[in-house]
Amino acid sequence: MLSPANRAMALQVFEDLGYTRGMAPSEEPTPVALFDAYGAVPPYDRIPDGANEERIEEPSATPASLALVTPPAWRGVPLEPMRWLATNRIPAGDVTILSGDGGGGKTTVALQLALAVERSLGDWLGTVAESGPVIFFSGEEPQAEMRRRLHRVARKRGLEPGDLDRLHFHFADPDACLLGIAQRDGTMAPTPLFASLAAAARDIRPALMVVDSVAATFGGNQNDRVHARTFVGLFRTLARQVDCAILLLDHPSLSGITSGTGRGGSMDWQNATRARLHLESVDGEDGSTGRVLEVKKLNYGPAGEKVRLQWEDGSFVIEGTASAPHQAAANTSAEQRYLECLDAITGQGRHVCHAPGRGYAPKTFAAMPQAGGLTWRAFQAAQERLFAAGTIENIPYGPKSKGTKCIARKA
C-alpha cells in the first residue's frame, strides 16, 4: 500500500499528464497536436536545399575505361634491359636523392659525377658511369664558389675546366629559386622557373640533371606527404620525358642525422624516389674525418653498398687509393725502410731470404724497430720493386753443397 503522501504525489503526476479520475482508457488525450499544424512533411526522396551540404553527389558521367594489359601482349616483345647512369647507384630516366650533412661534400660528390658523365670518364667513385650532357641547377652556391670547386675537381682528373662544353650551369637567385610551390588543393605546382628548366632539358637532352638543393627549391611543407610526393613527381615526369637521371641534393632532418638514416621530413621523400644515397661524415682512427657514401635505397638492385672516401686535393677518392704522386712517394718510403732493415740485419751477421719460410725478409723486417709501422705485405711489394730495379740481389752463403742464398744490396 502507498502511503498517503506518495499516493497524493502519484495522482498529481497523472493529472499533469492529462489523466483525471473516472477517465476511461479509450479517452486518452492526444499526446501531441496534429502534424498538420507544422506544415506538410517533404517527400522522402527530396531533401531541402542546404539540409546536407556535404552529401556526396553520384557521378553524372561514366568513368573512363581503365587501361589494362596481360602478359600475353608482351609475347615476342624484346625485354628492355635495366639502364643505369651510375651502375647499382643511380638509375637512368628517374629521380635519386643524395642526402648528407650541410658542408659534408654533397655538392663536390655531385660535381665529380657531373664531370665523369660529361667527359665520358666511365668511372665515378668505384662504379661505372654513363656519358652525356649535364645540367647543374645551383640554388645554393654562387658562381664564384662553384668555379673554385670545379677547378679543383677537374684538375684532380687532369682536365681543364674550359674544355667542359657539355656541362651547363644555372645559378639561381637565392631569393627566387623555387621550382615548386604549394597549392590550395594540397598539391605542389611547378613554377615558371621549373618550366624554364624543363624547356632547357628538352633542348639539351642531358644524361644527368643535378638540383642543388631540395631545401632551396621546395616551396611547401616537408612534413606533408602530398607535398613531398607531388614535388618529386614533377621531376619524375620530367626525367621520363627527356630520358635523364635527376639527382636531388637534400639535407637530412635532425632525427635523420642522429639515427644515421639521412631522412628528412615525411617518409614520402624516400618512398617517392626509386633510389637514395647518403653521404655521412665519419671519424677515422687517426683523428681525420672521412666520408661514407651509402646506397640507402635501390628499387632496381642491391642496396647497402658502402664506399669509404677520403679527401685529397679538393676531391673525394676511395679510401686506400692514392694518386700517382702520392703512390710514388709511398713506394719510395717503403723501399727505403726495406733497405734500412736489410742493412741492420746484414750488420748483425744475420741472413734473410726472398722466399716464404724461415728467415723470410718481409715478415722479419715487419717485426723490426726500423719498420716504422709497415706491414709485411708492404715490405713484400717493396722487395719486388727493388729486385726489379736491380737494387738488391740473391747471393750464395754457407756451404756450397746446400746451395743456400740470402738477400744483399747489389754491389
Foldseek 3Di string as FASTA:
>chain_A
DDDPVVVVVVQVVCVVQPDDPPDDPVPRDDNDDDCVVVPDDDDPVDDPPPPCPPDDDDDPDDDDDDDDDDVVVCVPPDDDDFAAQWPPAFGWLFEEEEEEAVVLCPVLLVLLSQVCQQVVVQDRQHTGGHHWAEEEEALDDDPVVVVVLNCQSQVVVPHDPVVSPRYHYDYDDLVPQAQWAADPVGAIDGDVVVVVVLVVCQVRLTQEYEYHACVSHQHDALQRLRHLQRVSVSVSVSSNVSGHYYYHYYYADPVCLVVVVSHHHHPNNVVNGQWYWYWYWDADPVRDIWIWIFTNHHNPDDGGDIFIWDDDRSHIHTPPDDDPVVVVVVLVVLLVLLVVLQVVCVVVVHFAACDPDPRNSLCVSCPDPSNVNDHSVSNNVSVVVCVVVQQKDWDADDDVVVRDTGIDGDD
